[in-house]
Amino acid sequence: MAVVIRVLLVDDDALVRAGLSMMLDGVAGITVVGEAADGQEAIAAADAHAPDVVLMDLRMPRVDGITATRRLRSRARPAEVIVLTTFDTDENILHALRAGASGFLLKDTPPPRIVEAVVRVAAGDPILSPRITRRLMDRTVVQSGTYERARAALAVLTPREHEVALAIGRGRANAGIAAELAMGVTTVKAHVSSILIKLGLDNRTQIALLVHDAGLV
């Protein structure tokens, strides 16, 4: 049987939810299983529908998107979260990614790109809008001690894991890492899993952030 990606839509604007639902339900292999108008409703909806991917707005009443993302990612069966917002400040981007979001897209993202993001994130491949990626690459570390903490964290990795982490920081997918480092994709996945466990992280995006914080890319 073909795998169907279960999607939960979280946005306080009913028109946005309706538009996303119409778009995604028309795509083979994707089904919208529920909607929520704020972060509090999102937790209940996730309990009821067990989504694979959550499209999450940031600014909502009661419980905001960053708090909801953190709660969803801490569950026994965490859903992947793609933040879909109009607010692309550095603070929002970093807080969302550190909360465990696997993607960050702006609401003016073309529909095919949103569909691609859902499919890729469901497969474990994080995605950011090109504008967000550029800003993360260009930003400088301003928090006291961030550079040192990032370097110390990465020091626990083996040399091979360190190479994989750097490749993730440069935006490489598993196939690209495998070709670059002359190893099988299965081996790359094993290294990624080991890195996540050693560093206490939730996803590849957080590995990339750590590599950026360490000033290595």
N, C-alpha and C. Protein backbone atom coordinates (compact mmCIF):
# COMPACT_ATOMS: atom_id res chain seq x y z
N MET A 1 0.84 -1.20 0.00
CA MET A 1 0.00 0.00 0.00
C MET A 1 0.87 1.25 0.00
N ALA A 2 0.44 2.29 -0.73
CA ALA A 2 1.20 3.53 -0.78
C ALA A 2 1.11 4.26 0.55
N VAL A 3 2.21 4.89 0.94
CA VAL A 3 2.24 5.65 2.17
C VAL A 3 1.54 6.98 1.96
N VAL A 4 0.65 7.34 2.87
CA VAL A 4 -0.05 8.62 2.82
C VAL A 4 0.44 9.49 3.96
N ILE A 5 0.85 10.70 3.65
CA ILE A 5 1.35 11.64 4.65
C ILE A 5 0.16 12.35 5.28
N ARG A 6 0.05 12.25 6.59
CA ARG A 6 -1.06 12.84 7.34
C ARG A 6 -0.65 14.23 7.82
N VAL A 7 -1.42 15.25 7.46
CA VAL A 7 -1.05 16.63 7.74
C VAL A 7 -2.08 17.30 8.64
N LEU A 8 -1.59 18.03 9.63
CA LEU A 8 -2.43 18.85 10.50
C LEU A 8 -2.13 20.32 10.22
N LEU A 9 -3.17 21.13 10.03
CA LEU A 9 -3.02 22.55 9.74
C LEU A 9 -3.32 23.37 10.99
N VAL A 10 -2.39 24.25 11.36
CA VAL A 10 -2.56 25.06 12.56
C VAL A 10 -2.37 26.53 12.20
N ASP A 11 -3.46 27.29 12.22
CA ASP A 11 -3.41 28.71 11.89
C ASP A 11 -4.68 29.35 12.41
N ASP A 12 -4.58 30.56 12.97
CA ASP A 12 -5.76 31.21 13.51
C ASP A 12 -6.63 31.86 12.43
N ASP A 13 -6.18 31.84 11.19
CA ASP A 13 -6.94 32.38 10.06
C ASP A 13 -7.63 31.23 9.32
N ALA A 14 -8.95 31.19 9.42
CA ALA A 14 -9.71 30.11 8.79
C ALA A 14 -9.53 30.07 7.29
N LEU A 15 -9.35 31.24 6.66
CA LEU A 15 -9.16 31.28 5.22
C LEU A 15 -7.83 30.65 4.82
N VAL A 16 -6.79 30.89 5.62
CA VAL A 16 -5.49 30.27 5.35
C VAL A 16 -5.61 28.75 5.46
N ARG A 17 -6.28 28.28 6.51
CA ARG A 17 -6.45 26.83 6.67
C ARG A 17 -7.23 26.24 5.50
N ALA A 18 -8.27 26.94 5.07
CA ALA A 18 -9.09 26.44 3.96
C ALA A 18 -8.27 26.35 2.68
N GLY A 19 -7.46 27.38 2.42
CA GLY A 19 -6.63 27.37 1.23
C GLY A 19 -5.60 26.25 1.24
N LEU A 20 -4.95 26.07 2.38
CA LEU A 20 -3.96 24.99 2.50
C LEU A 20 -4.62 23.62 2.37
N SER A 21 -5.79 23.48 2.98
CA SER A 21 -6.49 22.19 2.91
C SER A 21 -6.87 21.85 1.49
N MET A 22 -7.40 22.83 0.75
CA MET A 22 -7.78 22.60 -0.64
C MET A 22 -6.56 22.23 -1.48
N MET A 23 -5.44 22.91 -1.23
CA MET A 23 -4.23 22.66 -2.00
C MET A 23 -3.67 21.27 -1.71
N LEU A 24 -3.54 20.92 -0.43
CA LEU A 24 -2.88 19.67 -0.06
C LEU A 24 -3.75 18.45 -0.31
N ASP A 25 -5.05 18.57 -0.10
CA ASP A 25 -5.93 17.42 -0.33
C ASP A 25 -6.03 17.06 -1.81
N GLY A 26 -5.57 17.95 -2.68
CA GLY A 26 -5.56 17.64 -4.10
C GLY A 26 -4.30 16.95 -4.56
N VAL A 27 -3.39 16.68 -3.63
CA VAL A 27 -2.11 16.06 -3.96
C VAL A 27 -2.15 14.58 -3.58
N ALA A 28 -1.81 13.71 -4.52
CA ALA A 28 -1.76 12.28 -4.23
C ALA A 28 -0.71 11.99 -3.16
N GLY A 29 -1.07 11.17 -2.19
CA GLY A 29 -0.13 10.78 -1.15
C GLY A 29 -0.14 11.70 0.06
N ILE A 30 -0.99 12.74 0.06
CA ILE A 30 -1.11 13.66 1.19
C ILE A 30 -2.58 13.78 1.56
N THR A 31 -2.89 13.74 2.85
CA THR A 31 -4.25 13.97 3.30
C THR A 31 -4.24 14.87 4.52
N VAL A 32 -5.13 15.84 4.55
CA VAL A 32 -5.27 16.72 5.71
C VAL A 32 -6.20 16.03 6.70
N VAL A 33 -5.67 15.71 7.89
CA VAL A 33 -6.45 14.94 8.87
C VAL A 33 -7.09 15.81 9.93
N GLY A 34 -6.70 17.08 10.01
CA GLY A 34 -7.29 17.94 11.03
C GLY A 34 -6.83 19.37 10.91
N GLU A 35 -7.52 20.26 11.63
CA GLU A 35 -7.17 21.67 11.67
C GLU A 35 -7.24 22.17 13.11
N ALA A 36 -6.50 23.23 13.40
CA ALA A 36 -6.53 23.85 14.72
C ALA A 36 -6.33 25.35 14.56
N ALA A 37 -6.97 26.14 15.44
CA ALA A 37 -6.91 27.58 15.34
C ALA A 37 -5.85 28.21 16.24
N ASP A 38 -5.21 27.41 17.10
CA ASP A 38 -4.12 27.92 17.93
C ASP A 38 -3.31 26.73 18.45
N GLY A 39 -2.23 27.04 19.17
CA GLY A 39 -1.34 26.00 19.63
C GLY A 39 -1.98 25.04 20.61
N GLN A 40 -2.91 25.53 21.43
CA GLN A 40 -3.58 24.66 22.39
C GLN A 40 -4.44 23.63 21.67
N GLU A 41 -5.18 24.09 20.67
CA GLU A 41 -5.99 23.16 19.88
C GLU A 41 -5.11 22.19 19.11
N ALA A 42 -3.92 22.64 18.72
CA ALA A 42 -3.01 21.78 17.96
C ALA A 42 -2.61 20.55 18.73
N ILE A 43 -2.36 20.70 20.03
CA ILE A 43 -1.97 19.54 20.85
C ILE A 43 -3.10 18.52 20.90
N ALA A 44 -4.33 19.00 21.13
CA ALA A 44 -5.48 18.10 21.16
C ALA A 44 -5.70 17.44 19.81
N ALA A 45 -5.54 18.22 18.73
CA ALA A 45 -5.73 17.67 17.38
C ALA A 45 -4.68 16.61 17.06
N ALA A 46 -3.46 16.85 17.53
CA ALA A 46 -2.39 15.86 17.30
C ALA A 46 -2.71 14.57 18.04
N ASP A 47 -3.26 14.68 19.25
CA ASP A 47 -3.67 13.48 19.99
C ASP A 47 -4.75 12.71 19.24
N ALA A 48 -5.67 13.46 18.64
CA ALA A 48 -6.81 12.82 17.98
C ALA A 48 -6.47 12.24 16.62
N HIS A 49 -5.54 12.87 15.90
CA HIS A 49 -5.32 12.50 14.50
C HIS A 49 -3.95 11.93 14.17
N ALA A 50 -3.00 11.99 15.10
CA ALA A 50 -1.65 11.43 14.88
C ALA A 50 -1.06 11.85 13.54
N PRO A 51 -0.87 13.15 13.31
CA PRO A 51 -0.32 13.61 12.02
C PRO A 51 1.16 13.26 11.87
N ASP A 52 1.60 13.16 10.64
CA ASP A 52 3.02 13.00 10.35
C ASP A 52 3.71 14.36 10.28
N VAL A 53 3.00 15.34 9.72
CA VAL A 53 3.54 16.68 9.53
C VAL A 53 2.51 17.71 10.00
N VAL A 54 2.99 18.73 10.70
CA VAL A 54 2.13 19.83 11.13
C VAL A 54 2.62 21.11 10.46
N LEU A 55 1.70 21.80 9.76
CA LEU A 55 2.00 23.13 9.23
C LEU A 55 1.57 24.13 10.29
N MET A 56 2.52 24.86 10.87
CA MET A 56 2.29 25.64 12.09
C MET A 56 2.51 27.13 11.88
N ASP A 57 1.48 27.93 12.18
CA ASP A 57 1.64 29.37 12.22
C ASP A 57 2.37 29.73 13.51
N LEU A 58 2.93 30.94 13.60
CA LEU A 58 3.65 31.36 14.80
C LEU A 58 2.79 32.17 15.76
N ARG A 59 2.21 33.25 15.27
CA ARG A 59 1.48 34.15 16.15
C ARG A 59 0.00 33.78 16.19
N MET A 60 -0.40 33.19 17.33
CA MET A 60 -1.77 32.73 17.52
C MET A 60 -2.18 33.00 18.96
N PRO A 61 -3.49 33.08 19.23
CA PRO A 61 -3.94 33.30 20.61
C PRO A 61 -3.68 32.08 21.50
N ARG A 62 -3.74 32.33 22.79
CA ARG A 62 -3.57 31.30 23.83
C ARG A 62 -2.17 30.69 23.81
N VAL A 63 -1.90 29.77 22.92
CA VAL A 63 -0.58 29.13 22.84
C VAL A 63 0.02 29.42 21.47
N ASP A 64 1.20 30.04 21.45
CA ASP A 64 1.83 30.41 20.18
C ASP A 64 2.46 29.20 19.50
N GLY A 65 2.89 29.41 18.26
CA GLY A 65 3.41 28.31 17.46
C GLY A 65 4.72 27.73 17.97
N ILE A 66 5.59 28.55 18.53
CA ILE A 66 6.86 28.05 19.03
C ILE A 66 6.64 27.15 20.24
N THR A 67 5.78 27.57 21.16
CA THR A 67 5.47 26.73 22.32
C THR A 67 4.81 25.43 21.89
N ALA A 68 3.88 25.52 20.95
CA ALA A 68 3.20 24.31 20.47
C ALA A 68 4.19 23.37 19.78
N THR A 69 5.11 23.94 19.01
CA THR A 69 6.14 23.11 18.35
C THR A 69 6.97 22.36 19.38
N ARG A 70 7.41 23.06 20.41
CA ARG A 70 8.21 22.43 21.45
C ARG A 70 7.44 21.28 22.12
N ARG A 71 6.17 21.50 22.38
CA ARG A 71 5.35 20.45 23.02
C ARG A 71 5.15 19.26 22.09
N LEU A 72 4.88 19.54 20.83
CA LEU A 72 4.68 18.44 19.87
C LEU A 72 5.95 17.62 19.69
N ARG A 73 7.10 18.28 19.67
CA ARG A 73 8.36 17.58 19.46
C ARG A 73 8.80 16.78 20.69
N SER A 74 8.24 17.08 21.86
CA SER A 74 8.63 16.38 23.07
C SER A 74 7.76 15.15 23.33
N ARG A 75 6.79 14.91 22.47
CA ARG A 75 5.89 13.77 22.66
C ARG A 75 6.56 12.46 22.32
N ALA A 76 5.96 11.35 22.78
CA ALA A 76 6.51 10.03 22.51
C ALA A 76 6.54 9.74 21.01
N ARG A 77 5.53 10.22 20.30
CA ARG A 77 5.50 10.08 18.84
C ARG A 77 5.46 11.48 18.24
N PRO A 78 6.61 12.12 18.13
CA PRO A 78 6.62 13.52 17.68
C PRO A 78 6.29 13.66 16.20
N ALA A 79 5.45 14.63 15.90
CA ALA A 79 5.17 14.97 14.50
C ALA A 79 6.25 15.92 14.02
N GLU A 80 6.55 15.88 12.73
CA GLU A 80 7.44 16.87 12.14
C GLU A 80 6.68 18.18 11.99
N VAL A 81 7.35 19.29 12.25
CA VAL A 81 6.68 20.59 12.20
C VAL A 81 7.34 21.48 11.15
N ILE A 82 6.52 22.04 10.29
CA ILE A 82 6.97 23.08 9.35
C ILE A 82 6.30 24.38 9.76
N VAL A 83 7.08 25.36 10.14
CA VAL A 83 6.53 26.68 10.45
C VAL A 83 6.20 27.38 9.14
N LEU A 84 4.97 27.90 9.05
CA LEU A 84 4.52 28.63 7.87
C LEU A 84 3.98 29.97 8.35
N THR A 85 4.72 31.03 8.12
CA THR A 85 4.42 32.31 8.76
C THR A 85 4.74 33.49 7.86
N THR A 86 4.26 34.65 8.25
CA THR A 86 4.64 35.89 7.57
C THR A 86 5.76 36.60 8.31
N PHE A 87 6.14 36.10 9.49
CA PHE A 87 7.11 36.77 10.34
C PHE A 87 8.46 36.06 10.26
N ASP A 88 9.42 36.67 9.58
CA ASP A 88 10.71 36.01 9.35
C ASP A 88 11.86 36.71 10.08
N THR A 89 11.60 37.22 11.27
CA THR A 89 12.69 37.82 12.03
C THR A 89 13.67 36.74 12.46
N ASP A 90 14.93 37.14 12.67
CA ASP A 90 15.93 36.16 13.11
C ASP A 90 15.50 35.47 14.40
N GLU A 91 14.88 36.23 15.31
CA GLU A 91 14.45 35.66 16.58
C GLU A 91 13.42 34.55 16.36
N ASN A 92 12.43 34.81 15.51
CA ASN A 92 11.41 33.80 15.23
C ASN A 92 12.01 32.57 14.58
N ILE A 93 12.88 32.78 13.62
CA ILE A 93 13.50 31.65 12.91
C ILE A 93 14.27 30.77 13.88
N LEU A 94 15.14 31.37 14.66
CA LEU A 94 15.98 30.59 15.55
C LEU A 94 15.18 29.92 16.66
N HIS A 95 14.21 30.63 17.22
CA HIS A 95 13.40 30.03 18.28
C HIS A 95 12.61 28.83 17.74
N ALA A 96 12.07 28.96 16.53
CA ALA A 96 11.30 27.86 15.95
C ALA A 96 12.18 26.65 15.67
N LEU A 97 13.34 26.88 15.10
CA LEU A 97 14.23 25.77 14.78
C LEU A 97 14.78 25.12 16.04
N ARG A 98 15.09 25.92 17.04
CA ARG A 98 15.59 25.35 18.29
C ARG A 98 14.48 24.61 19.05
N ALA A 99 13.24 24.98 18.79
CA ALA A 99 12.11 24.27 19.41
C ALA A 99 11.87 22.91 18.75
N GLY A 100 12.51 22.69 17.59
CA GLY A 100 12.41 21.39 16.94
C GLY A 100 11.74 21.40 15.59
N ALA A 101 11.40 22.57 15.06
CA ALA A 101 10.80 22.62 13.73
C ALA A 101 11.77 22.10 12.68
N SER A 102 11.25 21.34 11.74
CA SER A 102 12.07 20.77 10.67
C SER A 102 12.05 21.62 9.41
N GLY A 103 11.27 22.69 9.44
CA GLY A 103 11.20 23.55 8.28
C GLY A 103 10.68 24.92 8.67
N PHE A 104 11.01 25.91 7.86
CA PHE A 104 10.54 27.28 8.10
C PHE A 104 10.29 27.91 6.75
N LEU A 105 9.01 28.14 6.46
CA LEU A 105 8.63 28.73 5.17
C LEU A 105 7.78 29.97 5.41
N LEU A 106 7.83 30.88 4.46
CA LEU A 106 7.00 32.07 4.51
C LEU A 106 5.69 31.81 3.77
N LYS A 107 4.65 32.54 4.15
CA LYS A 107 3.34 32.28 3.57
C LYS A 107 3.23 32.67 2.11
N ASP A 108 4.21 33.42 1.60
CA ASP A 108 4.21 33.71 0.17
C ASP A 108 4.95 32.65 -0.64
N THR A 109 5.31 31.54 0.02
CA THR A 109 5.96 30.43 -0.67
C THR A 109 5.00 29.83 -1.72
N PRO A 110 5.45 29.59 -2.95
CA PRO A 110 4.57 29.00 -3.97
C PRO A 110 4.03 27.64 -3.52
N PRO A 111 2.78 27.32 -3.86
CA PRO A 111 2.18 26.05 -3.46
C PRO A 111 3.02 24.81 -3.76
N PRO A 112 3.64 24.70 -4.95
CA PRO A 112 4.46 23.50 -5.20
C PRO A 112 5.60 23.34 -4.19
N ARG A 113 6.14 24.47 -3.75
CA ARG A 113 7.23 24.43 -2.77
C ARG A 113 6.73 23.97 -1.41
N ILE A 114 5.50 24.36 -1.05
CA ILE A 114 4.93 23.90 0.22
C ILE A 114 4.68 22.40 0.16
N VAL A 115 4.15 21.93 -0.96
CA VAL A 115 3.93 20.49 -1.13
C VAL A 115 5.25 19.74 -1.03
N GLU A 116 6.27 20.26 -1.71
CA GLU A 116 7.60 19.64 -1.66
C GLU A 116 8.11 19.58 -0.22
N ALA A 117 7.88 20.66 0.53
CA ALA A 117 8.34 20.71 1.92
C ALA A 117 7.67 19.63 2.76
N VAL A 118 6.38 19.45 2.58
CA VAL A 118 5.65 18.43 3.34
C VAL A 118 6.21 17.04 3.04
N VAL A 119 6.44 16.76 1.77
CA VAL A 119 6.96 15.45 1.38
C VAL A 119 8.38 15.23 1.91
N ARG A 120 9.22 16.24 1.77
CA ARG A 120 10.61 16.10 2.21
C ARG A 120 10.73 15.99 3.73
N VAL A 121 9.98 16.81 4.44
CA VAL A 121 10.06 16.77 5.89
C VAL A 121 9.50 15.44 6.43
N ALA A 122 8.45 14.92 5.80
CA ALA A 122 7.91 13.63 6.21
C ALA A 122 8.94 12.52 6.03
N ALA A 123 9.85 12.71 5.06
CA ALA A 123 10.90 11.72 4.80
C ALA A 123 12.15 11.97 5.64
N GLY A 124 12.10 12.98 6.52
CA GLY A 124 13.23 13.25 7.40
C GLY A 124 14.25 14.22 6.85
N ASP A 125 13.87 14.97 5.83
CA ASP A 125 14.79 15.91 5.20
C ASP A 125 14.30 17.33 5.45
N PRO A 126 14.92 18.09 6.36
CA PRO A 126 14.44 19.43 6.70
C PRO A 126 14.53 20.38 5.51
N ILE A 127 13.70 21.42 5.55
CA ILE A 127 13.68 22.35 4.44
C ILE A 127 13.44 23.77 4.95
N LEU A 128 14.16 24.71 4.37
CA LEU A 128 13.99 26.13 4.69
C LEU A 128 13.80 26.90 3.39
N SER A 129 13.08 28.00 3.46
CA SER A 129 12.97 28.83 2.26
C SER A 129 14.35 29.38 1.93
N PRO A 130 14.65 29.60 0.65
CA PRO A 130 15.99 30.09 0.27
C PRO A 130 16.39 31.36 1.01
N ARG A 131 15.42 32.25 1.22
CA ARG A 131 15.74 33.51 1.90
C ARG A 131 16.16 33.25 3.35
N ILE A 132 15.49 32.30 4.00
CA ILE A 132 15.83 31.97 5.39
C ILE A 132 17.21 31.31 5.45
N THR A 133 17.48 30.41 4.52
CA THR A 133 18.79 29.75 4.48
C THR A 133 19.91 30.76 4.34
N ARG A 134 19.72 31.73 3.46
CA ARG A 134 20.74 32.75 3.25
C ARG A 134 20.99 33.56 4.51
N ARG A 135 19.91 33.90 5.20
CA ARG A 135 20.05 34.69 6.43
C ARG A 135 20.76 33.90 7.52
N LEU A 136 20.48 32.60 7.62
CA LEU A 136 21.16 31.79 8.63
C LEU A 136 22.65 31.68 8.31
N MET A 137 22.96 31.57 7.05
CA MET A 137 24.36 31.46 6.65
C MET A 137 25.12 32.76 6.90
N ASP A 138 24.41 33.89 6.75
CA ASP A 138 25.07 35.19 6.87
C ASP A 138 25.13 35.71 8.30
N ARG A 139 24.26 35.19 9.16
CA ARG A 139 24.18 35.78 10.49
C ARG A 139 25.46 35.52 11.30
N THR A 140 25.73 36.39 12.23
CA THR A 140 26.87 36.22 13.12
C THR A 140 26.36 35.89 14.50
N VAL A 141 27.15 35.16 15.26
CA VAL A 141 26.76 34.77 16.60
C VAL A 141 26.96 35.94 17.55
N VAL A 142 25.90 36.33 18.23
CA VAL A 142 26.00 37.47 19.13
C VAL A 142 25.77 37.10 20.59
N GLN A 143 25.29 35.89 20.85
CA GLN A 143 25.05 35.48 22.22
C GLN A 143 26.36 35.08 22.87
N SER A 144 26.60 35.59 24.06
CA SER A 144 27.82 35.29 24.77
C SER A 144 27.96 33.80 25.03
N GLY A 145 29.09 33.24 24.65
CA GLY A 145 29.38 31.84 24.93
C GLY A 145 28.81 30.86 23.93
N THR A 146 28.00 31.32 22.97
CA THR A 146 27.39 30.40 22.01
C THR A 146 28.45 29.67 21.19
N TYR A 147 29.43 30.40 20.71
CA TYR A 147 30.50 29.81 19.90
C TYR A 147 31.22 28.71 20.66
N GLU A 148 31.61 29.01 21.90
CA GLU A 148 32.36 28.03 22.69
C GLU A 148 31.51 26.80 23.01
N ARG A 149 30.23 27.02 23.35
CA ARG A 149 29.37 25.88 23.67
C ARG A 149 29.16 24.99 22.45
N ALA A 150 29.01 25.61 21.29
CA ALA A 150 28.81 24.82 20.07
C ALA A 150 30.05 24.00 19.74
N ARG A 151 31.22 24.62 19.85
CA ARG A 151 32.47 23.90 19.59
C ARG A 151 32.64 22.74 20.56
N ALA A 152 32.33 22.98 21.84
CA ALA A 152 32.47 21.93 22.84
C ALA A 152 31.52 20.77 22.58
N ALA A 153 30.29 21.09 22.15
CA ALA A 153 29.31 20.04 21.85
C ALA A 153 29.77 19.17 20.70
N LEU A 154 30.26 19.80 19.64
CA LEU A 154 30.70 19.05 18.46
C LEU A 154 31.95 18.22 18.73
N ALA A 155 32.69 18.57 19.76
CA ALA A 155 33.93 17.85 20.07
C ALA A 155 33.68 16.41 20.50
N VAL A 156 32.44 16.07 20.88
CA VAL A 156 32.15 14.70 21.32
C VAL A 156 31.98 13.76 20.13
N LEU A 157 31.91 14.31 18.92
CA LEU A 157 31.68 13.48 17.74
C LEU A 157 32.98 12.83 17.27
N THR A 158 32.83 11.68 16.62
CA THR A 158 33.98 11.04 15.98
C THR A 158 34.36 11.88 14.76
N PRO A 159 35.57 11.70 14.22
CA PRO A 159 35.94 12.46 13.02
C PRO A 159 34.96 12.29 11.86
N ARG A 160 34.46 11.07 11.67
CA ARG A 160 33.52 10.84 10.57
C ARG A 160 32.18 11.53 10.84
N GLU A 161 31.71 11.45 12.08
CA GLU A 161 30.47 12.13 12.44
C GLU A 161 30.62 13.64 12.27
N HIS A 162 31.80 14.13 12.59
CA HIS A 162 32.06 15.57 12.45
C HIS A 162 31.96 15.98 10.98
N GLU A 163 32.48 15.15 10.07
CA GLU A 163 32.38 15.44 8.64
C GLU A 163 30.93 15.46 8.19
N VAL A 164 30.15 14.50 8.69
CA VAL A 164 28.73 14.44 8.34
C VAL A 164 28.01 15.69 8.86
N ALA A 165 28.32 16.08 10.09
CA ALA A 165 27.70 17.28 10.69
C ALA A 165 28.01 18.52 9.85
N LEU A 166 29.26 18.65 9.41
CA LEU A 166 29.63 19.80 8.58
C LEU A 166 28.86 19.80 7.26
N ALA A 167 28.70 18.62 6.69
CA ALA A 167 27.96 18.53 5.43
C ALA A 167 26.50 18.92 5.62
N ILE A 168 25.92 18.52 6.75
CA ILE A 168 24.55 18.93 7.07
C ILE A 168 24.48 20.44 7.21
N GLY A 169 25.50 21.01 7.86
CA GLY A 169 25.56 22.46 8.01
C GLY A 169 25.64 23.19 6.69
N ARG A 170 26.18 22.53 5.67
CA ARG A 170 26.26 23.14 4.34
C ARG A 170 25.00 22.87 3.52
N GLY A 171 24.01 22.22 4.15
CA GLY A 171 22.74 22.00 3.47
C GLY A 171 22.66 20.75 2.64
N ARG A 172 23.60 19.82 2.80
CA ARG A 172 23.59 18.60 2.00
C ARG A 172 22.51 17.63 2.48
N ALA A 173 21.82 16.97 1.56
CA ALA A 173 20.92 15.87 1.87
C ALA A 173 21.73 14.59 1.99
N ASN A 174 21.10 13.51 2.41
CA ASN A 174 21.82 12.25 2.65
C ASN A 174 22.57 11.77 1.41
N ALA A 175 21.90 11.84 0.25
CA ALA A 175 22.54 11.35 -0.97
C ALA A 175 23.78 12.18 -1.30
N GLY A 176 23.68 13.49 -1.11
CA GLY A 176 24.83 14.36 -1.37
C GLY A 176 25.98 14.10 -0.42
N ILE A 177 25.64 13.86 0.86
CA ILE A 177 26.68 13.54 1.85
C ILE A 177 27.37 12.23 1.48
N ALA A 178 26.57 11.24 1.08
CA ALA A 178 27.13 9.94 0.71
C ALA A 178 28.12 10.07 -0.44
N ALA A 179 27.76 10.86 -1.46
CA ALA A 179 28.65 11.05 -2.60
C ALA A 179 29.90 11.84 -2.19
N GLU A 180 29.72 12.86 -1.38
CA GLU A 180 30.83 13.71 -0.97
C GLU A 180 31.84 12.97 -0.10
N LEU A 181 31.34 12.10 0.77
CA LEU A 181 32.21 11.42 1.73
C LEU A 181 32.48 9.96 1.37
N ALA A 182 32.02 9.54 0.20
CA ALA A 182 32.27 8.18 -0.30
C ALA A 182 31.80 7.12 0.69
N MET A 183 30.52 7.21 1.05
CA MET A 183 29.92 6.19 1.92
C MET A 183 28.50 5.95 1.47
N GLY A 184 27.91 4.86 1.93
CA GLY A 184 26.55 4.54 1.55
C GLY A 184 25.54 5.43 2.26
N VAL A 185 24.37 5.58 1.65
CA VAL A 185 23.32 6.39 2.26
C VAL A 185 22.90 5.82 3.61
N THR A 186 22.85 4.49 3.71
CA THR A 186 22.50 3.85 4.98
C THR A 186 23.50 4.21 6.07
N THR A 187 24.77 4.26 5.70
CA THR A 187 25.81 4.64 6.66
C THR A 187 25.64 6.09 7.08
N VAL A 188 25.31 6.95 6.13
CA VAL A 188 25.07 8.36 6.45
C VAL A 188 23.93 8.48 7.47
N LYS A 189 22.84 7.76 7.22
CA LYS A 189 21.70 7.81 8.13
C LYS A 189 22.09 7.34 9.53
N ALA A 190 22.94 6.32 9.59
CA ALA A 190 23.39 5.83 10.89
C ALA A 190 24.21 6.89 11.62
N HIS A 191 25.07 7.58 10.88
CA HIS A 191 25.87 8.65 11.48
C HIS A 191 24.98 9.79 11.96
N VAL A 192 23.97 10.15 11.16
CA VAL A 192 23.06 11.22 11.56
C VAL A 192 22.33 10.85 12.85
N SER A 193 21.86 9.61 12.93
CA SER A 193 21.17 9.16 14.14
C SER A 193 22.09 9.23 15.36
N SER A 194 23.34 8.81 15.17
CA SER A 194 24.32 8.86 16.26
C SER A 194 24.59 10.30 16.70
N ILE A 195 24.72 11.20 15.73
CA ILE A 195 24.96 12.62 16.05
C ILE A 195 23.80 13.19 16.86
N LEU A 196 22.58 12.90 16.45
CA LEU A 196 21.40 13.41 17.16
C LEU A 196 21.38 12.92 18.60
N ILE A 197 21.71 11.65 18.79
CA ILE A 197 21.70 11.08 20.14
C ILE A 197 22.81 11.71 21.00
N LYS A 198 24.01 11.80 20.46
CA LYS A 198 25.13 12.34 21.21
C LYS A 198 24.92 13.81 21.59
N LEU A 199 24.32 14.57 20.70
CA LEU A 199 24.16 16.00 20.93
C LEU A 199 22.83 16.34 21.59
N GLY A 200 21.96 15.35 21.76
CA GLY A 200 20.66 15.60 22.38
C GLY A 200 19.77 16.50 21.55
N LEU A 201 19.83 16.33 20.22
CA LEU A 201 19.05 17.17 19.31
C LEU A 201 17.89 16.39 18.72
N ASP A 202 16.94 17.13 18.14
CA ASP A 202 15.74 16.50 17.59
C ASP A 202 15.82 16.22 16.10
N ASN A 203 16.55 17.04 15.36
CA ASN A 203 16.53 16.88 13.91
C ASN A 203 17.77 17.49 13.26
N ARG A 204 17.87 17.32 11.95
CA ARG A 204 19.04 17.77 11.20
C ARG A 204 19.18 19.29 11.20
N THR A 205 18.06 19.98 11.23
CA THR A 205 18.13 21.44 11.23
C THR A 205 18.89 21.94 12.45
N GLN A 206 18.67 21.31 13.58
CA GLN A 206 19.37 21.71 14.80
C GLN A 206 20.86 21.38 14.72
N ILE A 207 21.20 20.31 14.01
CA ILE A 207 22.63 20.03 13.77
C ILE A 207 23.23 21.16 12.96
N ALA A 208 22.53 21.58 11.91
CA ALA A 208 23.02 22.67 11.06
C ALA A 208 23.20 23.96 11.84
N LEU A 209 22.25 24.25 12.73
CA LEU A 209 22.36 25.45 13.56
C LEU A 209 23.59 25.39 14.45
N LEU A 210 23.84 24.22 15.03
CA LEU A 210 24.99 24.07 15.91
C LEU A 210 26.30 24.28 15.14
N VAL A 211 26.35 23.74 13.93
CA VAL A 211 27.52 23.91 13.10
C VAL A 211 27.73 25.38 12.76
N HIS A 212 26.64 26.09 12.47
CA HIS A 212 26.72 27.53 12.20
C HIS A 212 27.18 28.28 13.44
N ASP A 213 26.65 27.92 14.60
CA ASP A 213 27.04 28.58 15.85
C ASP A 213 28.52 28.40 16.14
N ALA A 214 29.05 27.25 15.72
CA ALA A 214 30.46 26.97 15.94
C ALA A 214 31.37 27.68 14.93
N GLY A 215 30.74 28.35 13.95
CA GLY A 215 31.51 29.08 12.96
C GLY A 215 32.24 28.20 11.97
N LEU A 216 31.71 27.01 11.72
CA LEU A 216 32.41 26.04 10.87
C LEU A 216 31.95 26.07 9.42
N VAL A 217 30.86 26.78 9.12
CA VAL A 217 30.41 26.92 7.73
C VAL A 217 30.00 28.37 7.51
